[in-house]
Each structure stands twice: as C-alpha cells, then as structure tokens.
Amino acid sequence: KGYKGFKGNCSISFIEQFRALHQCNKYCEMLGLQSLR
C-alpha cells in the first residue's frame, strides 16, 4: 500500500528478506534499536 503516499521502486520481498537476514551490530545497539529476530 506504500507508506504515507510514497511507493518505492523495489519489491516488498526486500523488506521480508531484510527482516530475516539482518544481524544487529554495535551501531544498532548504540542507537537502541530492537533486534529484528
């Protein structure tokens, strides 16, 4: 459905793939980001 009226130019599968493959690092921790896993 897009995001706030904006539609990207890449497949939605990229989001699913990122969620499955991303490995947090020290910079994620410094920003206080929650582990996707």
PDB file of all heavy atoms in Angstrom:
ATOM      1  N   LYS A   1       0.824  -1.223   0.000  1.00  0.00           N
ATOM      2  CA  LYS A   1       0.000   0.000   0.000  1.00  0.00           C
ATOM      3  C   LYS A   1       0.853   1.267   0.000  1.00  0.00           C
ATOM      4  O   LYS A   1       0.325   2.366  -0.080  1.00  0.00           O
ATOM      5  CB  LYS A   1      -0.927  -0.009   1.208  1.00  0.00           C
ATOM      6  CG  LYS A   1      -0.183  -0.002   2.534  1.00  0.00           C
ATOM      7  CD  LYS A   1      -1.114  -0.130   3.702  1.00  0.00           C
ATOM      8  CE  LYS A   1      -0.284  -0.153   4.992  1.00  0.00           C
ATOM      9  NZ  LYS A   1      -1.003  -0.508   6.155  1.00  0.00           N
ATOM     10  N   GLY A   2       2.178   1.118   0.098  1.00  0.00           N
ATOM     11  CA  GLY A   2       3.053   2.280   0.171  1.00  0.00           C
ATOM     12  C   GLY A   2       3.186   2.754   1.609  1.00  0.00           C
ATOM     13  O   GLY A   2       2.735   2.095   2.543  1.00  0.00           O
ATOM     14  N   TYR A   3       3.791   3.908   1.776  1.00  0.00           N
ATOM     15  CA  TYR A   3       3.975   4.474   3.106  1.00  0.00           C
ATOM     16  C   TYR A   3       3.750   5.974   3.031  1.00  0.00           C
ATOM     17  O   TYR A   3       4.494   6.681   2.363  1.00  0.00           O
ATOM     18  CB  TYR A   3       5.373   4.166   3.647  1.00  0.00           C
ATOM     19  CG  TYR A   3       5.644   4.774   4.999  1.00  0.00           C
ATOM     20  CD1 TYR A   3       4.967   4.316   6.125  1.00  0.00           C
ATOM     21  CD2 TYR A   3       6.546   5.810   5.153  1.00  0.00           C
ATOM     22  CE1 TYR A   3       5.197   4.874   7.372  1.00  0.00           C
ATOM     23  CE2 TYR A   3       6.784   6.366   6.395  1.00  0.00           C
ATOM     24  CZ  TYR A   3       6.109   5.896   7.506  1.00  0.00           C
ATOM     25  OH  TYR A   3       6.331   6.458   8.739  1.00  0.00           O
ATOM     26  N   LYS A   4       2.677   6.438   3.671  1.00  0.00           N
ATOM     27  CA  LYS A   4       2.329   7.872   3.696  1.00  0.00           C
ATOM     28  C   LYS A   4       2.310   8.466   2.296  1.00  0.00           C
ATOM     29  O   LYS A   4       2.870   9.525   2.037  1.00  0.00           O
ATOM     30  CB  LYS A   4       3.286   8.628   4.600  1.00  0.00           C
ATOM     31  CG  LYS A   4       3.174   8.184   6.046  1.00  0.00           C
ATOM     32  CD  LYS A   4       3.795   9.179   6.972  1.00  0.00           C
ATOM     33  CE  LYS A   4       3.478   8.765   8.395  1.00  0.00           C
ATOM     34  NZ  LYS A   4       3.696   9.804   9.359  1.00  0.00           N
ATOM     35  N   GLY A   5       1.689   7.755   1.366  1.00  0.00           N
ATOM     36  CA  GLY A   5       1.553   8.250  -0.001  1.00  0.00           C
ATOM     37  C   GLY A   5       2.757   7.998  -0.892  1.00  0.00           C
ATOM     38  O   GLY A   5       2.738   8.329  -2.073  1.00  0.00           O
ATOM     39  N   PHE A   6       3.805   7.375  -0.356  1.00  0.00           N
ATOM     40  CA  PHE A   6       5.019   7.120  -1.134  1.00  0.00           C
ATOM     41  C   PHE A   6       5.105   5.641  -1.472  1.00  0.00           C
ATOM     42  O   PHE A   6       4.933   4.802  -0.602  1.00  0.00           O
ATOM     43  CB  PHE A   6       6.246   7.541  -0.316  1.00  0.00           C
ATOM     44  CG  PHE A   6       7.555   7.245  -1.004  1.00  0.00           C
ATOM     45  CD1 PHE A   6       8.077   8.133  -1.923  1.00  0.00           C
ATOM     46  CD2 PHE A   6       8.253   6.078  -0.744  1.00  0.00           C
ATOM     47  CE1 PHE A   6       9.278   7.874  -2.562  1.00  0.00           C
ATOM     48  CE2 PHE A   6       9.446   5.809  -1.374  1.00  0.00           C
ATOM     49  CZ  PHE A   6       9.963   6.718  -2.292  1.00  0.00           C
ATOM     50  N   LYS A   7       5.377   5.340  -2.734  1.00  0.00           N
ATOM     51  CA  LYS A   7       5.607   3.952  -3.137  1.00  0.00           C
ATOM     52  C   LYS A   7       7.030   3.813  -3.642  1.00  0.00           C
ATOM     53  O   LYS A   7       7.503   4.631  -4.425  1.00  0.00           O
ATOM     54  CB  LYS A   7       4.627   3.553  -4.233  1.00  0.00           C
ATOM     55  CG  LYS A   7       3.251   3.234  -3.673  1.00  0.00           C
ATOM     56  CD  LYS A   7       2.534   2.249  -4.547  1.00  0.00           C
ATOM     57  CE  LYS A   7       1.256   1.821  -3.856  1.00  0.00           C
ATOM     58  NZ  LYS A   7       0.624   0.708  -4.485  1.00  0.00           N
ATOM     59  N   GLY A   8       7.696   2.778  -3.175  1.00  0.00           N
ATOM     60  CA  GLY A   8       9.088   2.561  -3.546  1.00  0.00           C
ATOM     61  C   GLY A   8       9.237   1.966  -4.932  1.00  0.00           C
ATOM     62  O   GLY A   8       8.264   1.721  -5.640  1.00  0.00           O
ATOM     63  N   ASN A   9      10.491   1.702  -5.303  1.00  0.00           N
ATOM     64  CA  ASN A   9      10.794   1.138  -6.621  1.00  0.00           C
ATOM     65  C   ASN A   9      11.375  -0.279  -6.517  1.00  0.00           C
ATOM     66  O   ASN A   9      11.891  -0.801  -7.477  1.00  0.00           O
ATOM     67  CB  ASN A   9      11.774   2.053  -7.361  1.00  0.00           C
ATOM     68  CG  ASN A   9      13.113   2.198  -6.657  1.00  0.00           C
ATOM     69  OD1 ASN A   9      13.239   1.930  -5.461  1.00  0.00           O
ATOM     70  ND2 ASN A   9      14.125   2.637  -7.387  1.00  0.00           N
ATOM     71  N   CYS A  10      11.295  -0.873  -5.322  1.00  0.00           N
ATOM     72  CA  CYS A  10      11.801  -2.237  -5.117  1.00  0.00           C
ATOM     73  C   CYS A  10      10.695  -3.133  -4.575  1.00  0.00           C
ATOM     74  O   CYS A  10       9.730  -2.648  -3.994  1.00  0.00           O
ATOM     75  CB  CYS A  10      12.976  -2.220  -4.133  1.00  0.00           C
ATOM     76  SG  CYS A  10      14.413  -1.336  -4.739  1.00  0.00           S
ATOM     77  N   SER A  11      10.869  -4.413  -4.727  1.00  0.00           N
ATOM     78  CA  SER A  11       9.877  -5.398  -4.303  1.00  0.00           C
ATOM     79  C   SER A  11       9.705  -5.420  -2.786  1.00  0.00           C
ATOM     80  O   SER A  11      10.659  -5.246  -2.040  1.00  0.00           O
ATOM     81  CB  SER A  11      10.319  -6.783  -4.781  1.00  0.00           C
ATOM     82  OG  SER A  11       9.567  -7.789  -4.148  1.00  0.00           O
ATOM     83  N   ILE A  12       8.475  -5.678  -2.348  1.00  0.00           N
ATOM     84  CA  ILE A  12       8.169  -5.831  -0.924  1.00  0.00           C
ATOM     85  C   ILE A  12       8.981  -6.977  -0.317  1.00  0.00           C
ATOM     86  O   ILE A  12       9.275  -6.978   0.875  1.00  0.00           O
ATOM     87  CB  ILE A  12       6.658  -6.071  -0.721  1.00  0.00           C
ATOM     88  CG1 ILE A  12       6.302  -6.052   0.764  1.00  0.00           C
ATOM     89  CG2 ILE A  12       6.218  -7.378  -1.336  1.00  0.00           C
ATOM     90  CD1 ILE A  12       4.823  -6.163   1.039  1.00  0.00           C
ATOM     91  N   SER A  13       9.405  -7.932  -1.140  1.00  0.00           N
ATOM     92  CA  SER A  13      10.179  -9.074  -0.638  1.00  0.00           C
ATOM     93  C   SER A  13      11.509  -8.621  -0.029  1.00  0.00           C
ATOM     94  O   SER A  13      12.076  -9.305   0.807  1.00  0.00           O
ATOM     95  CB  SER A  13      10.429 -10.101  -1.745  1.00  0.00           C
ATOM     96  OG  SER A  13      11.270  -9.545  -2.737  1.00  0.00           O
ATOM     97  N   PHE A  14      12.006  -7.444  -0.431  1.00  0.00           N
ATOM     98  CA  PHE A  14      13.250  -6.918   0.137  1.00  0.00           C
ATOM     99  C   PHE A  14      13.076  -6.653   1.628  1.00  0.00           C
ATOM    100  O   PHE A  14      13.997  -6.835   2.414  1.00  0.00           O
ATOM    101  CB  PHE A  14      13.665  -5.620  -0.555  1.00  0.00           C
ATOM    102  CG  PHE A  14      14.161  -5.796  -1.964  1.00  0.00           C
ATOM    103  CD1 PHE A  14      13.906  -6.938  -2.700  1.00  0.00           C
ATOM    104  CD2 PHE A  14      14.879  -4.785  -2.579  1.00  0.00           C
ATOM    105  CE1 PHE A  14      14.359  -7.093  -4.003  1.00  0.00           C
ATOM    106  CE2 PHE A  14      15.345  -4.918  -3.883  1.00  0.00           C
ATOM    107  CZ  PHE A  14      15.086  -6.078  -4.591  1.00  0.00           C
ATOM    108  N   ILE A  15      11.877  -6.195   2.013  1.00  0.00           N
ATOM    109  CA  ILE A  15      11.599  -5.914   3.424  1.00  0.00           C
ATOM    110  C   ILE A  15      11.601  -7.227   4.205  1.00  0.00           C
ATOM    111  O   ILE A  15      12.224  -7.334   5.261  1.00  0.00           O
ATOM    112  CB  ILE A  15      10.259  -5.169   3.601  1.00  0.00           C
ATOM    113  CG1 ILE A  15      10.328  -3.783   2.945  1.00  0.00           C
ATOM    114  CG2 ILE A  15       9.886  -5.047   5.071  1.00  0.00           C
ATOM    115  CD1 ILE A  15       9.034  -3.003   2.952  1.00  0.00           C
ATOM    116  N   GLU A  16      10.917  -8.235   3.667  1.00  0.00           N
ATOM    117  CA  GLU A  16      10.856  -9.544   4.331  1.00  0.00           C
ATOM    118  C   GLU A  16      12.251 -10.155   4.440  1.00  0.00           C
ATOM    119  O   GLU A  16      12.620 -10.716   5.472  1.00  0.00           O
ATOM    120  CB  GLU A  16       9.924 -10.467   3.543  1.00  0.00           C
ATOM    121  CG  GLU A  16       8.477  -9.987   3.547  1.00  0.00           C
ATOM    122  CD  GLU A  16       7.660 -10.538   2.386  1.00  0.00           C
ATOM    123  OE1 GLU A  16       8.180 -11.377   1.627  1.00  0.00           O
ATOM    124  OE2 GLU A  16       6.502 -10.102   2.250  1.00  0.00           O
ATOM    125  N   GLN A  17      13.031 -10.014   3.376  1.00  0.00           N
ATOM    126  CA  GLN A  17      14.384 -10.553   3.351  1.00  0.00           C
ATOM    127  C   GLN A  17      15.263  -9.846   4.378  1.00  0.00           C
ATOM    128  O   GLN A  17      16.031 -10.489   5.094  1.00  0.00           O
ATOM    129  CB  GLN A  17      14.961 -10.350   1.958  1.00  0.00           C
ATOM    130  CG  GLN A  17      16.421 -10.692   1.846  1.00  0.00           C
ATOM    131  CD  GLN A  17      16.970 -10.248   0.523  1.00  0.00           C
ATOM    132  OE1 GLN A  17      16.608 -10.803  -0.506  1.00  0.00           O
ATOM    133  NE2 GLN A  17      17.820  -9.253   0.533  1.00  0.00           N
ATOM    134  N   PHE A  18      15.145  -8.517   4.461  1.00  0.00           N
ATOM    135  CA  PHE A  18      15.938  -7.768   5.429  1.00  0.00           C
ATOM    136  C   PHE A  18      15.605  -8.213   6.848  1.00  0.00           C
ATOM    137  O   PHE A  18      16.491  -8.450   7.656  1.00  0.00           O
ATOM    138  CB  PHE A  18      15.699  -6.260   5.280  1.00  0.00           C
ATOM    139  CG  PHE A  18      16.410  -5.449   6.327  1.00  0.00           C
ATOM    140  CD1 PHE A  18      17.769  -5.236   6.245  1.00  0.00           C
ATOM    141  CD2 PHE A  18      15.723  -4.933   7.417  1.00  0.00           C
ATOM    142  CE1 PHE A  18      18.443  -4.508   7.221  1.00  0.00           C
ATOM    143  CE2 PHE A  18      16.385  -4.214   8.395  1.00  0.00           C
ATOM    144  CZ  PHE A  18      17.749  -3.998   8.297  1.00  0.00           C
ATOM    145  N   ARG A  19      14.320  -8.341   7.128  1.00  0.00           N
ATOM    146  CA  ARG A  19      13.884  -8.755   8.471  1.00  0.00           C
ATOM    147  C   ARG A  19      14.477 -10.123   8.820  1.00  0.00           C
ATOM    148  O   ARG A  19      14.892 -10.362   9.952  1.00  0.00           O
ATOM    149  CB  ARG A  19      12.353  -8.791   8.524  1.00  0.00           C
ATOM    150  CG  ARG A  19      11.801  -9.082   9.902  1.00  0.00           C
ATOM    151  CD  ARG A  19      10.290  -8.944   9.966  1.00  0.00           C
ATOM    152  NE  ARG A  19       9.611  -9.673   8.928  1.00  0.00           N
ATOM    153  CZ  ARG A  19       8.736  -9.129   8.081  1.00  0.00           C
ATOM    154  NH1 ARG A  19       8.424  -7.862   8.141  1.00  0.00           N
ATOM    155  NH2 ARG A  19       8.157  -9.866   7.159  1.00  0.00           N
ATOM    156  N   ALA A  20      14.557 -11.016   7.846  1.00  0.00           N
ATOM    157  CA  ALA A  20      15.068 -12.370   8.104  1.00  0.00           C
ATOM    158  C   ALA A  20      16.596 -12.417   8.198  1.00  0.00           C
ATOM    159  O   ALA A  20      17.139 -13.199   8.970  1.00  0.00           O
ATOM    160  CB  ALA A  20      14.591 -13.306   6.990  1.00  0.00           C
ATOM    161  N   LEU A  21      17.307 -11.576   7.431  1.00  0.00           N
ATOM    162  CA  LEU A  21      18.757 -11.689   7.334  1.00  0.00           C
ATOM    163  C   LEU A  21      19.545 -10.690   8.174  1.00  0.00           C
ATOM    164  O   LEU A  21      20.728 -10.910   8.431  1.00  0.00           O
ATOM    165  CB  LEU A  21      19.199 -11.524   5.874  1.00  0.00           C
ATOM    166  CG  LEU A  21      18.725 -12.581   4.883  1.00  0.00           C
ATOM    167  CD1 LEU A  21      19.231 -12.256   3.479  1.00  0.00           C
ATOM    168  CD2 LEU A  21      19.181 -13.971   5.299  1.00  0.00           C
ATOM    169  N   HIS A  22      18.929  -9.594   8.580  1.00  0.00           N
ATOM    170  CA  HIS A  22      19.693  -8.551   9.287  1.00  0.00           C
ATOM    171  C   HIS A  22      20.280  -9.073  10.592  1.00  0.00           C
ATOM    172  O   HIS A  22      19.612  -9.721  11.389  1.00  0.00           O
ATOM    173  CB  HIS A  22      18.803  -7.347   9.584  1.00  0.00           C
ATOM    174  CG  HIS A  22      19.489  -6.298  10.409  1.00  0.00           C
ATOM    175  ND1 HIS A  22      20.538  -5.546   9.923  1.00  0.00           N
ATOM    176  CD2 HIS A  22      19.306  -5.895  11.691  1.00  0.00           C
ATOM    177  CE1 HIS A  22      20.945  -4.708  10.863  1.00  0.00           C
ATOM    178  NE2 HIS A  22      20.224  -4.903  11.950  1.00  0.00           N
ATOM    179  N   GLN A  23      21.564  -8.763  10.781  1.00  0.00           N
ATOM    180  CA  GLN A  23      22.246  -9.078  12.038  1.00  0.00           C
ATOM    181  C   GLN A  23      22.657  -7.759  12.676  1.00  0.00           C
ATOM    182  O   GLN A  23      23.421  -6.993  12.085  1.00  0.00           O
ATOM    183  CB  GLN A  23      23.475  -9.949  11.772  1.00  0.00           C
ATOM    184  CG  GLN A  23      23.124 -11.315  11.244  1.00  0.00           C
ATOM    185  CD  GLN A  23      24.363 -12.145  10.944  1.00  0.00           C
ATOM    186  OE1 GLN A  23      25.485 -11.688  11.060  1.00  0.00           O
ATOM    187  NE2 GLN A  23      24.142 -13.386  10.546  1.00  0.00           N
ATOM    188  N   CYS A  24      22.131  -7.485  13.859  1.00  0.00           N
ATOM    189  CA  CYS A  24      22.460  -6.241  14.543  1.00  0.00           C
ATOM    190  C   CYS A  24      23.953  -6.169  14.835  1.00  0.00           C
ATOM    191  O   CYS A  24      24.609  -7.190  15.023  1.00  0.00           O
ATOM    192  CB  CYS A  24      21.669  -6.115  15.843  1.00  0.00           C
ATOM    193  SG  CYS A  24      19.937  -5.695  15.570  1.00  0.00           S
ATOM    194  N   ASN A  25      24.470  -4.957  14.849  1.00  0.00           N
ATOM    195  CA  ASN A  25      25.872  -4.732  15.171  1.00  0.00           C
ATOM    196  C   ASN A  25      25.961  -3.667  16.260  1.00  0.00           C
ATOM    197  O   ASN A  25      24.938  -3.213  16.777  1.00  0.00           O
ATOM    198  CB  ASN A  25      26.647  -4.337  13.899  1.00  0.00           C
ATOM    199  CG  ASN A  25      26.072  -3.085  13.254  1.00  0.00           C
ATOM    200  OD1 ASN A  25      25.921  -2.041  13.887  1.00  0.00           O
ATOM    201  ND2 ASN A  25      25.732  -3.176  11.970  1.00  0.00           N
ATOM    202  N   LYS A  26      27.168  -3.250  16.598  1.00  0.00           N
ATOM    203  CA  LYS A  26      27.348  -2.307  17.711  1.00  0.00           C
ATOM    204  C   LYS A  26      26.673  -0.965  17.452  1.00  0.00           C
ATOM    205  O   LYS A  26      26.244  -0.297  18.388  1.00  0.00           O
ATOM    206  CB  LYS A  26      28.828  -2.098  18.015  1.00  0.00           C
ATOM    207  CG  LYS A  26      29.633  -1.400  16.931  1.00  0.00           C
ATOM    208  CD  LYS A  26      31.081  -1.237  17.367  1.00  0.00           C
ATOM    209  CE  LYS A  26      31.882  -0.497  16.301  1.00  0.00           C
ATOM    210  NZ  LYS A  26      33.274  -0.302  16.725  1.00  0.00           N
ATOM    211  N   TYR A  27      26.514  -0.585  16.177  1.00  0.00           N
ATOM    212  CA  TYR A  27      25.871   0.696  15.871  1.00  0.00           C
ATOM    213  C   TYR A  27      24.352   0.608  16.088  1.00  0.00           C
ATOM    214  O   TYR A  27      23.735   1.587  16.518  1.00  0.00           O
ATOM    215  CB  TYR A  27      26.218   1.148  14.456  1.00  0.00           C
ATOM    216  CG  TYR A  27      27.708   1.318  14.268  1.00  0.00           C
ATOM    217  CD1 TYR A  27      28.449   0.414  13.510  1.00  0.00           C
ATOM    218  CD2 TYR A  27      28.389   2.367  14.885  1.00  0.00           C
ATOM    219  CE1 TYR A  27      29.823   0.558  13.364  1.00  0.00           C
ATOM    220  CE2 TYR A  27      29.765   2.517  14.745  1.00  0.00           C
ATOM    221  CZ  TYR A  27      30.478   1.602  13.983  1.00  0.00           C
ATOM    222  OH  TYR A  27      31.831   1.747  13.851  1.00  0.00           O
ATOM    223  N   CYS A  28      23.777  -0.551  15.815  1.00  0.00           N
ATOM    224  CA  CYS A  28      22.349  -0.766  16.120  1.00  0.00           C
ATOM    225  C   CYS A  28      22.138  -0.620  17.631  1.00  0.00           C
ATOM    226  O   CYS A  28      21.184   0.018  18.076  1.00  0.00           O
ATOM    227  CB  CYS A  28      21.895  -2.158  15.685  1.00  0.00           C
ATOM    228  SG  CYS A  28      21.942  -2.463  13.911  1.00  0.00           S
ATOM    229  N   GLU A  29      23.057  -1.215  18.393  1.00  0.00           N
ATOM    230  CA  GLU A  29      22.969  -1.151  19.857  1.00  0.00           C
ATOM    231  C   GLU A  29      23.127   0.283  20.357  1.00  0.00           C
ATOM    232  O   GLU A  29      22.410   0.720  21.249  1.00  0.00           O
ATOM    233  CB  GLU A  29      24.037  -2.053  20.483  1.00  0.00           C
ATOM    234  CG  GLU A  29      23.755  -3.531  20.273  1.00  0.00           C
ATOM    235  CD  GLU A  29      24.924  -4.424  20.684  1.00  0.00           C
ATOM    236  OE1 GLU A  29      25.826  -3.939  21.408  1.00  0.00           O
ATOM    237  OE2 GLU A  29      24.936  -5.599  20.275  1.00  0.00           O
ATOM    238  N   MET A  30      24.062   1.034  19.772  1.00  0.00           N
ATOM    239  CA  MET A  30      24.273   2.421  20.179  1.00  0.00           C
ATOM    240  C   MET A  30      23.019   3.272  19.968  1.00  0.00           C
ATOM    241  O   MET A  30      22.739   4.185  20.741  1.00  0.00           O
ATOM    242  CB  MET A  30      25.458   3.027  19.410  1.00  0.00           C
ATOM    243  CG  MET A  30      26.801   2.466  19.839  1.00  0.00           C
ATOM    244  SD  MET A  30      28.161   3.027  18.795  1.00  0.00           S
ATOM    245  CE  MET A  30      28.418   4.662  19.459  1.00  0.00           C
ATOM    246  N   LEU A  31      22.266   2.967  18.918  1.00  0.00           N
ATOM    247  CA  LEU A  31      21.037   3.715  18.629  1.00  0.00           C
ATOM    248  C   LEU A  31      19.831   3.159  19.395  1.00  0.00           C
ATOM    249  O   LEU A  31      18.732   3.694  19.301  1.00  0.00           O
ATOM    250  CB  LEU A  31      20.740   3.694  17.123  1.00  0.00           C
ATOM    251  CG  LEU A  31      21.521   4.710  16.290  1.00  0.00           C
ATOM    252  CD1 LEU A  31      21.433   4.374  14.814  1.00  0.00           C
ATOM    253  CD2 LEU A  31      21.023   6.118  16.544  1.00  0.00           C
ATOM    254  N   GLY A  32      20.035   2.058  20.123  1.00  0.00           N
ATOM    255  CA  GLY A  32      18.946   1.469  20.904  1.00  0.00           C
ATOM    256  C   GLY A  32      17.898   0.774  20.058  1.00  0.00           C
ATOM    257  O   GLY A  32      16.733   0.682  20.449  1.00  0.00           O
ATOM    258  N   LEU A  33      18.293   0.270  18.882  1.00  0.00           N
ATOM    259  CA  LEU A  33      17.344  -0.416  18.001  1.00  0.00           C
ATOM    260  C   LEU A  33      17.071  -1.821  18.528  1.00  0.00           C
ATOM    261  O   LEU A  33      17.968  -2.495  19.024  1.00  0.00           O
ATOM    262  CB  LEU A  33      17.902  -0.489  16.574  1.00  0.00           C
ATOM    263  CG  LEU A  33      18.228   0.858  15.919  1.00  0.00           C
ATOM    264  CD1 LEU A  33      18.885   0.636  14.567  1.00  0.00           C
ATOM    265  CD2 LEU A  33      16.977   1.714  15.777  1.00  0.00           C
ATOM    266  N   GLN A  34      15.831  -2.255  18.400  1.00  0.00           N
ATOM    267  CA  GLN A  34      15.441  -3.589  18.874  1.00  0.00           C
ATOM    268  C   GLN A  34      15.852  -4.645  17.868  1.00  0.00           C
ATOM    269  O   GLN A  34      15.733  -4.430  16.661  1.00  0.00           O
ATOM    270  CB  GLN A  34      13.926  -3.657  19.077  1.00  0.00           C
ATOM    271  CG  GLN A  34      13.421  -2.772  20.182  1.00  0.00           C
ATOM    272  CD  GLN A  34      11.926  -2.923  20.373  1.00  0.00           C
ATOM    273  OE1 GLN A  34      11.220  -3.428  19.513  1.00  0.00           O
ATOM    274  NE2 GLN A  34      11.437  -2.487  21.519  1.00  0.00           N
ATOM    275  N   SER A  35      16.306  -5.778  18.365  1.00  0.00           N
ATOM    276  CA  SER A  35      16.691  -6.881  17.490  1.00  0.00           C
ATOM    277  C   SER A  35      15.487  -7.338  16.673  1.00  0.00           C
ATOM    278  O   SER A  35      14.407  -7.558  17.214  1.00  0.00           O
ATOM    279  CB  SER A  35      17.219  -8.057  18.323  1.00  0.00           C
ATOM    280  OG  SER A  35      17.337  -9.202  17.510  1.00  0.00           O
ATOM    281  N   LEU A  36      15.667  -7.463  15.360  1.00  0.00           N
ATOM    282  CA  LEU A  36      14.564  -7.896  14.497  1.00  0.00           C
ATOM    283  C   LEU A  36      14.242  -9.361  14.729  1.00  0.00           C
ATOM    284  O   LEU A  36      13.101  -9.778  14.586  1.00  0.00           O
ATOM    285  CB  LEU A  36      14.905  -7.655  13.031  1.00  0.00           C
ATOM    286  CG  LEU A  36      15.127  -6.196  12.641  1.00  0.00           C
ATOM    287  CD1 LEU A  36      15.416  -6.091  11.158  1.00  0.00           C
ATOM    288  CD2 LEU A  36      13.926  -5.348  13.006  1.00  0.00           C
ATOM    289  N   ARG A  37      15.231 -10.136  15.092  1.00  0.00           N
ATOM    290  CA  ARG A  37      15.000 -11.567  15.361  1.00  0.00           C
ATOM    291  C   ARG A  37      14.122 -11.722  16.596  1.00  0.00           C
ATOM    292  O   ARG A  37      13.171 -12.479  16.598  1.00  0.00           O
ATOM    293  CB  ARG A  37      16.321 -12.296  15.554  1.00  0.00           C
ATOM    294  CG  ARG A  37      17.137 -12.334  14.280  1.00  0.00           C
ATOM    295  CD  ARG A  37      18.481 -13.004  14.486  1.00  0.00           C
ATOM    296  NE  ARG A  37      19.346 -12.761  13.361  1.00  0.00           N
ATOM    297  CZ  ARG A  37      19.370 -13.509  12.268  1.00  0.00           C
ATOM    298  NH1 ARG A  37      18.570 -14.527  12.152  1.00  0.00           N
ATOM    299  NH2 ARG A  37      20.184 -13.222  11.277  1.00  0.00           N
TER     300      ARG A  37
END
